[in-house]
Amino acid sequence: MGHSDHRAVVSEFSEDDLPRGPSRWHFNASYINDNQFLQKMNNEIEEFLAVQDQNLDNGVSKRNKWELLKSHIKTVCMQYGRYKKMLNSESGDGEKELDNIAKQLANLPEDVTVQKHYEECKKRLEIEQLVKARGAAVRSRAKWIEEGDRNTKYFLNLEKNRSSSNVNRHIKNERNEIVQNPGKVLSTIKKFYDKIFSRDKNVRDTETKLNTFMQSCQHPTLTQAERDACDTHITIEEMGAALKQLNNESAPGCDGITAVFYKTFWRLLKAPLFDCFRECLEVGELSISQRRGIITLIHKGKNTTVMNWVTGDP
């Protein structure tokens, strides 16, 4: 029997069976360049506002009307997204069509009609692939994508890997035990932050510490003119000026509607949003979504204790 200087290597693989919840919705900015979407959304918002104007005495507050409008906007966007996804699923047929035309062109290289058909089909597929690659690049937060780069598979895999890396698979609880069950992982994290941000904490003591800290700071103060400007009523013009300062991809709230959407449909949105803000000031309370925030937990290094989780950008 012969002998070998190689050692056997045994590898074990396990599938990721961790149940995943629904992802957070975020407006697809590529729709802004889609005339069909722009027309549809304009019509939807106008019709929604018209119905609201006809029901002035239905007892719904301005804040809730704004929430209903945003919910309708999200619904329309998601429906349009499913429609676009259905169209994109047909791109495979387009590739087959391009292959068939290429075979025809090989047999009839001088046929101008076939040449034109081939170029049109090729250009259409290139545009579809570029849009798909850009969408995946945005979702994966890739820092670069060249104008001619259509490596869609790379960005789709990058998006998947980034999403997978953000999943909390195991953690140590307060008894220094490794917890792997998804439900127990969530409850461990919740318990930790409930304790930190508990309402039972001495609020008066916290206010005293805050006031002491602020009094020790050499911070600038407002002039009388600046105070007067802050105390005046908010205007639509002021809201529009503030909107222009926002980054197009930033979402002012947890509803997923980005600044570029507000900028695009500001003509229709400014009045109901102004009414919402004015009512918020009158009653001293923001609308439901305006009172909510989203916190992302970012894991630091290999330490699995719950103390090693920090809050990212909300």
Foldseek 3Di string as FASTA:
>chain_A
DDDDPDDDDDDDDDDPPADDDDDFDAQDPVCLVPPVSLVVLVVQLVVLVVVCVVPVPPPDALQVSLVVSLVSSVVSRVVVVVVVVVVLVCVVVLVVVLVVLVVVCVVVVPDPVSVVVNVVSVVVSQVSLQSLQVRLCVLLVPPDDDPNDSPNVVSVVSNVVSVVVQDQQWFAAPVRDIDGRSVVVVVRLVVVVCVVPPPPPDPVVVVVVVVVVVVVDPDDDDDPVRVVVVPDDDDLVNVVVVLVPDDQRDDPWSSNYGSVNCVSCVVSPSVSVSSQVVVCVVVVHHRDRNPDDDWRWDADPDHRYSVRTDTDDD
